[in-house]
Amino acid sequence: MSLALPVFKSWVPVWLIRATIFLVIFPGLLLFGLSTASGAGAAGYYGIEPADVQYSMVIFYAAVAGFFALERRFFIFIATREYFILSILIQMGTAYVCFHTQNLYILLFFRFLQGMSNCMSTSICITLIFGSLHNERAREIGYSIFYGMLLCITPISTIITAPILNAFDYNVLYKFIIFAYIPGGILLLIIMNNIRLNKKMPLYQLDFYSFIIYSSVLCLLGYTLVYGQQYYWLHDSRIVWSLSGTLILIGLHIIRQLHLRRPYLNLDVFKHRNFNVGMFMIFILYLVRGALGIISVYFAVILGMDPIHIGYIMAANIVGIILSVLISSRLIIMKRPIRLVWLYGFVLLLIFHVWMWFLFTTQADPSTFVLPLIIQGMGAGMLMTPIIVFAISSVPERLGSSASATGVFFRFTGFCSSIALINYFQLQQKSNHINRFQEHLSGLNTVVTERLAQYTGALTNKGMAPDLAAKAARGLLNRSVDSQAQLRAMMDYYLLISILLIAVLLVIALFPKLNRTKINLKSNQPAPASY
C-alpha cells in the first residue's frame, strides 16, 4: 500500500496526510495516560479509591490487548474512511459518557470500549503511515518514532493536562479529548477517498469466544495485581476468586488455542527461544518503566511541587527519549549486535536508578533531577524498538501477527506487575518504616524533644498559643515521619530495581546466541497498536 494510491485525494500533500493522521492518533494516546494525569483528582471527582483509578487504566490497556487479534477482521471488512470515522466517534462518545458519569462501573465499562476503539484507530493510522515506507531503513526510523512517541506519552500527558487541572475539575479532561478529535476527524473527511485497502471479507467465523476468554483473563489478572496489596492478597476472598478465575481461564484459553484450526493466538511462537528472550526483556522493561511514576510522586508529595512544574521537569525525560530513539535506530540500521544495543540501554537505566537512590532527600533543587531524567529517557528509548523488532524477527513470517499480539500481553503483564510492586512498597514497606520510626518517637529521645521544641517555637513566634503550638508540633512531627517513611520506601524500590537490572545485564552478557537473530522489518512487522 502506498500513500500515492487513492486512499487520499490527489491534491493532498504527504505532510498534510501525516499531520492529519497524527491529529487522530495523539488524542487516543492521551486517553491511555489520562488516568495517571492526576490520580488524586480522578479519585476525588469520581469518589473512588486510588486503586480504582489505576484499574480504569488497566481496563483500557486490557481492551487494547484483548481486541488486538480480532480487530484486523473489522479493519478488512469496513472501508478505510468509515473505519476511521467509526473509531473516532466511538472514542468521542465514550469520552462524553466518562465526562458526565460518576459511577465507577459505568466508567470502567466505557473505558474498556475506549481501549477497543483506540486499537482500531491506531491500527489503521499506522497501516497508512508505514505502508508508504518500503525500505528497511525508513521502516526502522518510522517504528522508532512511533514507539518513542508511546514512551513520551506519560510526561506529555502531565505537561498538557496540568494547566487544565489547575483551573477545572478532573472530568474536563474528557471534554478536552472530545474537542481534540474534531480537527483530525474533519480533515479526514475532507482528504480521504472512500476506498478499501484490502479485499472485503465477510464477518463470519469471528472467534468471539476466544476474545471474551482472553479479555477476561487480562481484566482478572489486572484486578489481582492492582488490588492485591490493598486487600492483603490471598487473605481476601476477592483476590482468591480473581486469581482462581485467571488460572482457570488461562488453562481454558490454552486448550482452546491448541485445538482451533485458526488460533486466536498461535502458541507456536513460544517454540522459538529468542522470542521467549525478547518477551522476557520487554516484561522487564515495562516493569522498570514503572519506577518513573515514583519520581512524579516524589516531586509532588516530598518536594511539594505543583503539577505544572512537574511537567516542566519531566520534559527532560522526553529529550532523553528523542536522543536515544535517534541513536538506537541508527545502530539497528548499521546492523550493530543487538546485545550491544541492549547493554547500552540497561546500563543507562541502571545509572539512573542508582543515581536517584542517592538523590532522594526531603529537600532538593528540582534542577538536580534534569540530567538523571534525560538518562532514564535515553535508557528506555534505547530498548523499546530494538527489543520489539528482535522478538518479532525471531519467529517465522506466518507467526508474525501472533508474536505481536503475544508481545502486547507481556507488555500488559509487565505494566500491571510494576503497579503491584509499587503498591507493595508504598503500602507495606512504608508501614514497616513508620513502625520502626515510631519506636524512637518518645520523650526520652533527645532528638525528638529538640525537634518538637523547634516546631513549637516556630509556631509560637507566628502567633499561635503555646498549648495549640505543642499539639500542632506533634502533628508536624508525624507528617515528617510519614515523609521519611515514604522516602525510604522509594529508596527500597529503586534499590530492588537496580539489583534486577544488574541481573539482566549479566544475562545479556552471558547469552551470545542473541546475535543469531537477524532483524527483518520487511517481512515481519511489529504491531503498532500497543503501549
Protein backbone atom coordinates (compact mmCIF):
# COMPACT_ATOMS: atom_id res chain seq x y z
CA MET A 1 0.00 0.00 0.00
CA SER A 2 1.31 3.46 -0.84
CA LEU A 3 0.14 6.89 0.04
CA ALA A 4 0.21 7.57 -3.69
CA LEU A 5 -2.78 5.23 -4.07
CA PRO A 6 -6.23 6.85 -3.98
CA VAL A 7 -6.57 6.45 -0.23
CA PHE A 8 -6.31 10.22 -0.11
CA LYS A 9 -7.28 12.77 -2.70
CA SER A 10 -4.65 13.53 -5.33
CA TRP A 11 -4.20 17.18 -4.36
CA VAL A 12 -3.31 16.39 -0.71
CA PRO A 13 0.42 16.70 0.10
CA VAL A 14 2.11 13.94 2.09
CA TRP A 15 2.90 16.26 5.00
CA LEU A 16 -0.79 17.07 5.43
CA ILE A 17 -1.68 13.36 5.34
CA ARG A 18 0.79 12.55 8.11
CA ALA A 19 -0.19 15.61 10.14
CA THR A 20 -3.84 14.56 9.94
CA ILE A 21 -3.05 11.01 11.00
CA PHE A 22 -1.05 12.40 13.92
CA LEU A 23 -4.05 14.54 14.94
CA VAL A 24 -6.12 11.35 15.10
CA ILE A 25 -3.54 9.23 16.93
CA PHE A 26 -2.50 11.75 19.57
CA PRO A 27 -5.83 12.13 21.46
CA GLY A 28 -6.06 8.32 21.54
CA LEU A 29 -2.64 8.10 23.14
CA LEU A 30 -3.64 10.75 25.66
CA LEU A 31 -6.66 8.63 26.62
CA PHE A 32 -4.31 5.97 27.98
CA GLY A 33 -2.37 8.38 30.17
CA LEU A 34 -5.47 10.24 31.31
CA SER A 35 -5.89 8.13 34.44
CA THR A 36 -2.36 8.91 35.60
CA ALA A 37 -2.61 12.63 34.81
CA SER A 38 -3.98 13.21 38.31
CA GLY A 39 -4.75 10.11 40.34
CA ALA A 40 -5.86 12.20 43.30
CA GLY A 41 -8.04 14.41 41.07
CA ALA A 42 -9.72 11.40 39.46
CA ALA A 43 -10.29 9.69 42.81
CA GLY A 44 -11.75 12.87 44.29
CA TYR A 45 -14.07 13.61 41.39
CA TYR A 46 -15.45 10.11 40.97
CA GLY A 47 -15.43 9.34 44.70
CA ILE A 48 -13.30 6.22 44.27
CA GLU A 49 -10.08 4.76 45.67
CA PRO A 50 -6.66 5.41 44.06
CA ALA A 51 -6.55 1.70 43.14
CA ASP A 52 -9.80 2.17 41.20
CA VAL A 53 -8.14 4.91 39.18
CA GLN A 54 -5.26 2.58 38.38
CA TYR A 55 -7.68 -0.17 37.41
CA SER A 56 -9.51 2.14 34.98
CA MET A 57 -6.20 2.49 33.16
CA VAL A 58 -5.60 -1.27 33.29
CA ILE A 59 -9.06 -1.91 31.80
CA PHE A 60 -8.23 0.39 28.89
CA TYR A 61 -4.97 -1.48 28.32
CA ALA A 62 -6.69 -4.88 28.62
CA ALA A 63 -9.16 -3.88 25.90
CA VAL A 64 -6.32 -2.92 23.56
CA ALA A 65 -4.51 -6.20 24.18
CA GLY A 66 -7.63 -8.39 24.08
CA PHE A 67 -9.19 -6.86 20.96
CA PHE A 68 -5.91 -6.72 19.05
CA ALA A 69 -6.18 -10.13 17.35
CA LEU A 70 -9.86 -9.64 16.41
CA GLU A 71 -9.56 -6.06 15.23
CA ARG A 72 -7.96 -6.98 11.91
CA ARG A 73 -11.15 -8.68 10.70
CA PHE A 74 -13.17 -5.50 11.17
CA PHE A 75 -10.40 -3.47 9.54
CA ILE A 76 -10.66 -5.62 6.40
CA PHE A 77 -14.48 -5.64 6.38
CA ILE A 78 -15.11 -1.89 6.71
CA ALA A 79 -13.94 0.73 4.19
CA THR A 80 -10.99 2.82 5.36
CA ARG A 81 -12.69 6.18 5.83
CA GLU A 82 -15.74 4.68 7.53
CA TYR A 83 -13.45 2.71 9.83
CA PHE A 84 -11.59 5.86 10.76
CA ILE A 85 -14.73 7.84 11.46
CA LEU A 86 -16.34 4.96 13.38
CA SER A 87 -13.35 4.64 15.72
CA ILE A 88 -13.26 8.40 16.31
CA LEU A 89 -17.00 8.60 17.02
CA ILE A 90 -16.79 5.72 19.50
CA GLN A 91 -13.91 7.35 21.33
CA MET A 92 -15.68 10.72 21.41
CA GLY A 93 -18.90 9.07 22.61
CA THR A 94 -17.21 7.11 25.37
CA ALA A 95 -15.28 10.23 26.45
CA TYR A 96 -18.62 12.07 26.67
CA VAL A 97 -20.01 9.37 28.98
CA CYS A 98 -16.85 9.45 31.13
CA PHE A 99 -17.22 13.23 31.32
CA HIS A 100 -20.75 13.01 32.75
CA THR A 101 -20.79 9.83 34.85
CA GLN A 102 -19.57 9.46 38.41
CA ASN A 103 -20.36 5.75 38.65
CA LEU A 104 -17.28 3.53 38.80
CA TYR A 105 -18.80 0.58 36.94
CA ILE A 106 -20.05 2.75 34.09
CA LEU A 107 -16.63 4.38 33.93
CA LEU A 108 -14.85 1.01 33.71
CA PHE A 109 -17.22 -0.30 31.03
CA PHE A 110 -16.74 2.71 28.78
CA ARG A 111 -13.00 2.78 29.40
CA PHE A 112 -12.96 -0.76 28.02
CA LEU A 113 -14.85 0.42 24.91
CA GLN A 114 -12.34 3.25 24.62
CA GLY A 115 -9.50 0.75 24.55
CA MET A 116 -11.15 -1.26 21.76
CA SER A 117 -11.83 1.82 19.63
CA ASN A 118 -8.35 3.13 20.32
CA CYS A 119 -6.94 -0.15 19.00
CA MET A 120 -8.98 0.41 15.81
CA SER A 121 -7.80 3.96 15.13
CA THR A 122 -4.15 3.30 16.00
CA SER A 123 -4.02 0.19 13.81
CA ILE A 124 -5.32 1.90 10.69
CA CYS A 125 -3.22 5.03 11.22
CA ILE A 126 -0.01 3.06 11.43
CA THR A 127 -1.04 0.93 8.44
CA LEU A 128 -1.44 4.10 6.37
CA ILE A 129 1.83 5.62 7.55
CA PHE A 130 4.09 2.61 7.23
CA GLY A 131 2.51 1.35 4.04
CA SER A 132 4.42 4.12 2.27
CA LEU A 133 7.77 3.14 3.80
CA HIS A 134 9.08 0.42 1.50
CA ASN A 135 12.72 0.07 2.57
CA GLU A 136 14.03 -1.27 5.85
CA ARG A 137 15.75 1.98 6.81
CA ALA A 138 12.55 4.02 6.57
CA ARG A 139 10.54 1.43 8.49
CA GLU A 140 13.08 1.22 11.30
CA ILE A 141 13.04 5.01 11.63
CA GLY A 142 9.25 5.00 11.48
CA TYR A 143 8.83 2.37 14.18
CA SER A 144 11.41 4.11 16.35
CA ILE A 145 9.46 7.35 16.10
CA PHE A 146 6.15 5.66 16.89
CA TYR A 147 7.37 3.66 19.88
CA GLY A 148 9.32 6.68 21.07
CA MET A 149 6.08 8.65 20.98
CA LEU A 150 4.47 5.96 23.17
CA LEU A 151 7.27 6.36 25.70
CA CYS A 152 6.77 10.12 25.70
CA ILE A 153 3.03 9.99 26.29
CA THR A 154 3.24 9.95 30.12
CA PRO A 155 5.34 13.12 30.51
CA ILE A 156 3.44 14.76 27.64
CA SER A 157 0.14 13.98 29.37
CA THR A 158 1.46 15.65 32.52
CA ILE A 159 2.51 18.76 30.60
CA ILE A 160 -0.80 19.09 28.71
CA THR A 161 -3.22 18.22 31.50
CA ALA A 162 -1.57 20.14 34.37
CA PRO A 163 -2.85 23.61 33.29
CA ILE A 164 -6.34 22.19 32.68
CA LEU A 165 -6.49 20.50 36.09
CA ASN A 166 -5.22 23.69 37.69
CA ALA A 167 -8.34 25.54 36.51
CA PHE A 168 -11.07 22.88 36.16
CA ASP A 169 -12.37 19.62 37.61
CA TYR A 170 -10.83 16.33 36.52
CA ASN A 171 -13.69 15.32 34.19
CA VAL A 172 -12.99 18.33 31.95
CA LEU A 173 -10.05 16.33 30.59
CA TYR A 174 -12.55 14.09 28.77
CA LYS A 175 -14.19 17.17 27.25
CA PHE A 176 -10.72 18.25 26.09
CA ILE A 177 -10.27 14.85 24.42
CA ILE A 178 -13.60 15.21 22.61
CA PHE A 179 -12.60 18.56 21.12
CA ALA A 180 -9.10 17.25 20.34
CA TYR A 181 -10.61 14.65 17.98
CA ILE A 182 -12.58 17.21 15.95
CA PRO A 183 -9.73 18.71 13.81
CA GLY A 184 -8.41 15.28 12.77
CA GLY A 185 -11.89 13.93 12.09
CA ILE A 186 -12.86 16.86 9.88
CA LEU A 187 -9.60 16.74 7.95
CA LEU A 188 -10.04 13.01 7.36
CA LEU A 189 -13.46 13.55 5.85
CA ILE A 190 -12.02 16.18 3.53
CA ILE A 191 -8.83 14.48 2.30
CA MET A 192 -9.76 10.76 2.23
CA ASN A 193 -11.43 8.82 -0.56
CA ASN A 194 -13.94 6.11 0.23
CA ILE A 195 -11.85 3.07 -0.73
CA ARG A 196 -10.63 -0.20 0.75
CA LEU A 197 -7.04 -1.16 1.44
CA ASN A 198 -7.86 -4.86 1.31
CA LYS A 199 -10.35 -7.16 -0.37
CA LYS A 200 -13.57 -7.21 1.62
CA MET A 201 -14.06 -10.33 3.71
CA PRO A 202 -17.40 -11.11 5.36
CA LEU A 203 -17.55 -11.21 9.13
CA TYR A 204 -18.05 -14.93 9.51
CA GLN A 205 -16.39 -17.31 11.98
CA LEU A 206 -15.32 -14.48 14.26
CA ASP A 207 -13.72 -16.02 17.32
CA PHE A 208 -15.69 -14.03 19.89
CA TYR A 209 -15.32 -16.83 22.44
CA SER A 210 -11.52 -16.52 22.43
CA PHE A 211 -11.86 -12.73 22.63
CA ILE A 212 -14.13 -12.97 25.68
CA ILE A 213 -11.95 -15.57 27.42
CA TYR A 214 -8.70 -13.74 26.67
CA SER A 215 -10.06 -10.31 27.66
CA SER A 216 -11.44 -11.80 30.88
CA VAL A 217 -8.00 -13.21 31.68
CA LEU A 218 -6.45 -9.77 31.22
CA CYS A 219 -9.09 -7.99 33.31
CA LEU A 220 -8.88 -10.53 36.15
CA LEU A 221 -5.09 -10.57 36.08
CA GLY A 222 -5.06 -6.77 36.21
CA TYR A 223 -7.54 -6.81 39.10
CA THR A 224 -5.37 -9.24 41.07
CA LEU A 225 -2.19 -7.21 40.58
CA VAL A 226 -3.76 -3.78 41.19
CA TYR A 227 -5.84 -4.64 44.27
CA GLY A 228 -3.71 -7.47 45.67
CA GLN A 229 -1.66 -5.47 48.16
CA GLN A 230 -4.63 -3.36 49.25
CA TYR A 231 -6.64 -6.49 50.11
CA TYR A 232 -3.66 -8.42 51.54
CA TRP A 233 -3.54 -10.85 48.64
CA LEU A 234 -4.82 -14.35 49.42
CA HIS A 235 -6.21 -13.27 52.79
CA ASP A 236 -9.14 -11.72 50.90
CA SER A 237 -11.76 -13.79 49.06
CA ARG A 238 -11.94 -11.26 46.19
CA ILE A 239 -8.29 -11.82 45.30
CA VAL A 240 -8.65 -15.59 45.73
CA TRP A 241 -11.60 -15.70 43.34
CA SER A 242 -9.90 -13.34 40.88
CA LEU A 243 -6.67 -15.34 40.84
CA SER A 244 -8.55 -18.64 40.58
CA GLY A 245 -10.59 -17.32 37.68
CA THR A 246 -7.41 -16.11 35.97
CA LEU A 247 -5.72 -19.51 36.21
CA ILE A 248 -8.80 -21.42 35.08
CA LEU A 249 -9.40 -19.14 32.08
CA ILE A 250 -5.72 -19.27 31.10
CA GLY A 251 -5.91 -23.06 31.06
CA LEU A 252 -9.14 -22.92 29.05
CA HIS A 253 -7.61 -20.42 26.63
CA ILE A 254 -4.52 -22.59 26.05
CA ILE A 255 -6.60 -25.74 25.46
CA ARG A 256 -8.86 -23.86 23.05
CA GLN A 257 -5.96 -22.40 21.04
CA LEU A 258 -4.30 -25.82 20.72
CA HIS A 259 -7.48 -27.30 19.19
CA LEU A 260 -8.51 -24.43 16.91
CA ARG A 261 -7.73 -24.66 13.20
CA ARG A 262 -7.05 -20.91 13.10
CA PRO A 263 -5.93 -19.96 16.64
CA TYR A 264 -6.74 -16.57 18.06
CA LEU A 265 -3.13 -16.53 19.33
CA ASN A 266 -0.82 -19.17 17.89
CA LEU A 267 1.16 -20.68 20.78
CA ASP A 268 3.86 -21.95 18.40
CA VAL A 269 5.64 -18.64 18.96
CA PHE A 270 6.91 -19.99 22.28
CA LYS A 271 8.83 -22.74 20.46
CA HIS A 272 11.38 -20.11 19.40
CA ARG A 273 13.93 -19.47 22.13
CA ASN A 274 14.93 -15.95 21.13
CA PHE A 275 11.28 -14.90 21.02
CA ASN A 276 10.96 -16.01 24.64
CA VAL A 277 14.07 -13.99 25.47
CA GLY A 278 12.51 -10.97 23.78
CA MET A 279 9.29 -11.39 25.78
CA PHE A 280 11.31 -11.60 29.00
CA MET A 281 13.17 -8.40 28.10
CA ILE A 282 10.01 -6.46 27.22
CA PHE A 283 8.45 -7.61 30.50
CA ILE A 284 11.50 -6.35 32.41
CA LEU A 285 11.48 -3.06 30.50
CA TYR A 286 7.85 -2.37 31.38
CA LEU A 287 8.45 -3.43 34.97
CA VAL A 288 11.36 -0.99 35.21
CA ARG A 289 9.45 1.80 33.44
CA GLY A 290 7.02 1.96 36.34
CA ALA A 291 9.75 3.45 38.51
CA LEU A 292 9.37 6.71 36.61
CA GLY A 293 5.93 7.18 38.18
CA ILE A 294 7.57 7.22 41.62
CA ILE A 295 9.54 10.28 40.55
CA SER A 296 6.30 12.20 39.94
CA VAL A 297 5.03 11.13 43.38
CA TYR A 298 8.34 12.21 44.92
CA PHE A 299 8.14 15.65 43.30
CA ALA A 300 4.51 16.15 44.38
CA VAL A 301 4.48 14.64 47.89
CA ILE A 302 8.02 15.07 49.21
CA LEU A 303 9.18 18.23 47.43
CA GLY A 304 5.69 19.77 47.24
CA MET A 305 5.86 20.71 43.55
CA ASP A 306 2.68 21.56 41.65
CA PRO A 307 1.72 19.55 38.51
CA ILE A 308 2.71 22.33 36.10
CA HIS A 309 6.30 22.46 37.37
CA ILE A 310 6.43 18.65 37.49
CA GLY A 311 5.53 18.69 33.80
CA TYR A 312 8.37 21.09 33.08
CA ILE A 313 10.87 18.83 34.86
CA MET A 314 9.53 15.70 33.15
CA ALA A 315 10.16 17.35 29.77
CA ALA A 316 13.80 16.37 30.33
CA ASN A 317 12.71 12.74 30.03
CA ILE A 318 11.27 13.49 26.57
CA VAL A 319 14.61 14.94 25.49
CA GLY A 320 16.35 11.72 26.53
CA ILE A 321 13.83 9.56 24.65
CA ILE A 322 14.25 11.57 21.45
CA LEU A 323 18.04 11.34 21.63
CA SER A 324 18.06 7.59 22.26
CA VAL A 325 15.48 6.87 19.55
CA LEU A 326 17.77 8.52 17.01
CA ILE A 327 20.77 6.57 18.30
CA SER A 328 19.08 3.16 18.56
CA SER A 329 17.52 3.39 15.10
CA ARG A 330 20.92 4.23 13.69
CA LEU A 331 22.56 1.30 15.48
CA ILE A 332 19.99 -1.16 14.11
CA ILE A 333 20.31 0.21 10.58
CA MET A 334 24.09 -0.23 10.87
CA LYS A 335 23.48 -3.89 11.91
CA ARG A 336 25.17 -3.49 15.28
CA PRO A 337 24.88 -6.55 17.57
CA ILE A 338 21.54 -6.49 19.37
CA ARG A 339 23.24 -7.44 22.64
CA LEU A 340 25.33 -4.29 22.42
CA VAL A 341 22.23 -2.10 21.99
CA TRP A 342 20.50 -3.78 24.93
CA LEU A 343 23.57 -3.41 27.14
CA TYR A 344 23.67 0.33 26.37
CA GLY A 345 20.01 0.72 27.30
CA PHE A 346 20.01 -1.29 30.52
CA VAL A 347 23.27 0.31 31.69
CA LEU A 348 21.68 3.75 31.27
CA LEU A 349 18.65 2.63 33.28
CA LEU A 350 20.94 1.22 35.98
CA ILE A 351 22.82 4.53 36.18
CA PHE A 352 19.52 6.38 36.57
CA HIS A 353 18.22 4.18 39.40
CA VAL A 354 21.50 4.17 41.34
CA TRP A 355 21.85 7.94 40.91
CA MET A 356 18.28 8.55 42.07
CA TRP A 357 18.88 6.37 45.13
CA PHE A 358 21.49 8.90 46.26
CA LEU A 359 19.38 11.93 45.27
CA PHE A 360 16.28 11.02 47.28
CA THR A 361 16.08 13.61 50.09
CA THR A 362 13.33 15.66 51.72
CA GLN A 363 14.77 18.89 50.30
CA ALA A 364 16.32 19.23 46.86
CA ASP A 365 16.67 21.59 43.94
CA PRO A 366 14.44 20.32 41.09
CA SER A 367 17.12 21.15 38.51
CA THR A 368 19.24 18.40 40.10
CA PHE A 369 16.98 15.78 38.52
CA VAL A 370 17.14 17.04 34.93
CA LEU A 371 20.20 15.02 33.90
CA PRO A 372 19.03 11.76 35.58
CA LEU A 373 15.65 12.08 33.81
CA ILE A 374 17.42 12.54 30.48
CA ILE A 375 19.43 9.38 31.18
CA GLN A 376 16.25 7.46 32.08
CA GLY A 377 14.64 8.55 28.81
CA MET A 378 17.72 7.51 26.87
CA GLY A 379 17.71 4.09 28.52
CA ALA A 380 14.03 3.40 27.79
CA GLY A 381 14.22 4.76 24.24
CA MET A 382 17.34 2.71 23.54
CA LEU A 383 15.50 -0.51 24.40
CA MET A 384 11.88 -0.18 23.27
CA THR A 385 12.11 -0.62 19.49
CA PRO A 386 15.17 -2.94 19.43
CA ILE A 387 13.52 -5.42 21.81
CA ILE A 388 10.23 -5.44 19.89
CA VAL A 389 11.75 -5.86 16.42
CA PHE A 390 14.13 -8.51 17.78
CA ALA A 391 11.24 -10.56 19.19
CA ILE A 392 9.17 -10.32 16.01
CA SER A 393 12.18 -11.19 13.85
CA SER A 394 12.76 -14.32 15.96
CA VAL A 395 9.69 -16.12 14.56
CA PRO A 396 8.69 -17.16 11.02
CA GLU A 397 6.64 -14.69 9.00
CA ARG A 398 3.45 -16.76 9.37
CA LEU A 399 3.63 -16.26 13.16
CA GLY A 400 4.30 -12.53 12.99
CA SER A 401 0.75 -11.49 13.92
CA SER A 402 0.56 -13.87 16.89
CA ALA A 403 4.02 -12.79 18.02
CA SER A 404 2.92 -9.14 18.01
CA ALA A 405 -0.26 -9.93 19.94
CA THR A 406 1.72 -12.01 22.46
CA GLY A 407 4.11 -9.11 22.88
CA VAL A 408 1.18 -6.89 23.83
CA PHE A 409 0.27 -9.44 26.53
CA PHE A 410 3.76 -9.33 28.05
CA ARG A 411 3.81 -5.54 27.94
CA PHE A 412 0.45 -5.53 29.69
CA THR A 413 1.69 -8.02 32.31
CA GLY A 414 4.87 -6.02 32.92
CA PHE A 415 2.85 -2.83 33.27
CA CYS A 416 0.44 -4.38 35.81
CA SER A 417 3.32 -6.04 37.69
CA SER A 418 5.00 -2.66 38.10
CA ILE A 419 1.77 -1.30 39.62
CA ALA A 420 1.62 -4.26 42.02
CA LEU A 421 5.25 -3.83 43.04
CA ILE A 422 4.89 -0.08 43.58
CA ASN A 423 1.73 -0.61 45.63
CA TYR A 424 3.60 -3.09 47.80
CA PHE A 425 6.37 -0.63 48.55
CA GLN A 426 4.02 2.32 49.07
CA LEU A 427 1.70 0.40 51.39
CA GLN A 428 3.65 -2.40 53.06
CA GLN A 429 7.20 -1.07 53.11
CA LYS A 430 6.07 2.41 54.06
CA SER A 431 4.13 0.97 57.01
CA ASN A 432 7.19 -1.03 58.10
CA HIS A 433 9.34 2.11 58.10
CA ILE A 434 6.70 4.10 60.01
CA ASN A 435 6.61 1.39 62.69
CA ARG A 436 10.40 1.50 63.01
CA PHE A 437 10.38 5.29 63.29
CA GLN A 438 7.58 5.23 65.84
CA GLU A 439 9.71 3.09 68.13
CA HIS A 440 12.09 6.03 68.53
CA LEU A 441 9.42 8.73 68.97
CA SER A 442 9.37 9.05 72.73
CA GLY A 443 10.08 11.77 75.19
CA LEU A 444 13.33 10.05 76.15
CA ASN A 445 14.78 10.64 72.70
CA THR A 446 16.65 13.94 72.80
CA VAL A 447 16.47 14.39 69.00
CA VAL A 448 12.68 14.09 69.11
CA THR A 449 12.49 16.53 72.02
CA GLU A 450 14.65 19.06 70.20
CA ARG A 451 12.61 18.75 67.00
CA LEU A 452 9.33 19.24 68.88
CA ALA A 453 10.81 22.27 70.61
CA GLN A 454 11.82 23.74 67.23
CA TYR A 455 8.35 23.22 65.81
CA THR A 456 6.69 24.65 68.92
CA GLY A 457 8.97 27.68 68.95
CA ALA A 458 8.40 28.41 65.27
CA LEU A 459 4.62 28.19 65.65
CA THR A 460 4.65 30.30 68.80
CA ASN A 461 6.66 33.01 67.03
CA LYS A 462 3.95 33.04 64.34
CA GLY A 463 1.39 33.96 67.00
CA MET A 464 -0.08 30.56 67.92
CA ALA A 465 -1.00 29.89 71.53
CA PRO A 466 1.57 27.72 73.35
CA ASP A 467 -0.83 24.83 74.07
CA LEU A 468 -2.07 24.75 70.47
CA ALA A 469 1.50 25.05 69.21
CA ALA A 470 2.51 21.96 71.20
CA LYS A 471 -0.31 19.93 69.63
CA ALA A 472 0.49 21.22 66.14
CA ALA A 473 4.17 20.41 66.67
CA ARG A 474 3.30 16.77 67.27
CA GLY A 475 1.29 16.79 64.02
CA LEU A 476 4.22 18.28 62.11
CA LEU A 477 6.50 15.63 63.56
CA ASN A 478 4.14 12.86 62.45
CA ARG A 479 4.00 14.40 58.99
CA SER A 480 7.79 14.46 58.86
CA VAL A 481 7.89 10.79 59.88
CA ASP A 482 5.38 9.93 57.14
CA SER A 483 7.51 11.72 54.53
CA GLN A 484 10.65 9.97 55.72
CA ALA A 485 8.92 6.57 55.63
CA GLN A 486 7.66 7.19 52.10
CA LEU A 487 11.11 8.32 51.06
CA ARG A 488 12.69 5.16 52.48
CA ALA A 489 10.12 3.03 50.65
CA MET A 490 11.03 4.78 47.38
CA MET A 491 14.70 4.13 48.02
CA ASP A 492 13.99 0.46 48.74
CA TYR A 493 12.12 0.16 45.45
CA TYR A 494 14.92 1.75 43.45
CA LEU A 495 17.45 -0.50 45.16
CA LEU A 496 15.42 -3.56 44.16
CA ILE A 497 15.15 -2.37 40.55
CA SER A 498 18.90 -1.71 40.47
CA ILE A 499 19.61 -5.27 41.58
CA LEU A 500 17.19 -6.57 38.94
CA LEU A 501 18.94 -4.52 36.24
CA ILE A 502 22.33 -5.90 37.26
CA ALA A 503 20.95 -9.44 36.93
CA VAL A 504 19.52 -8.63 33.47
CA LEU A 505 22.85 -7.19 32.32
CA LEU A 506 24.60 -10.40 33.38
CA VAL A 507 22.05 -12.49 31.45
CA ILE A 508 22.55 -10.41 28.30
CA ALA A 509 26.35 -10.54 28.59
CA LEU A 510 26.33 -14.33 29.04
CA PHE A 511 23.81 -15.10 26.27
CA PRO A 512 25.76 -14.98 22.97
CA LYS A 513 23.01 -16.63 20.88
CA LEU A 514 21.05 -13.37 20.89
CA ASN A 515 23.05 -12.13 17.93
CA ARG A 516 21.93 -15.06 15.76
CA THR A 517 18.54 -13.42 15.15
CA LYS A 518 18.59 -11.28 12.02
CA ILE A 519 16.45 -8.16 12.31
CA ASN A 520 13.97 -8.15 9.43
CA LEU A 521 11.45 -5.33 9.10
CA LYS A 522 10.39 -6.14 5.55
CA SER A 523 8.52 -9.38 6.23
CA ASN A 524 7.76 -9.36 9.95
CA GLN A 525 6.39 -6.01 11.06
CA PRO A 526 5.80 -5.26 14.75
CA ALA A 527 2.24 -4.46 15.68
CA PRO A 528 1.80 -0.79 16.48
CA ALA A 529 -1.45 -0.98 18.43
CA SER A 530 0.15 -1.40 21.80
CA TYR A 531 1.52 0.62 24.72
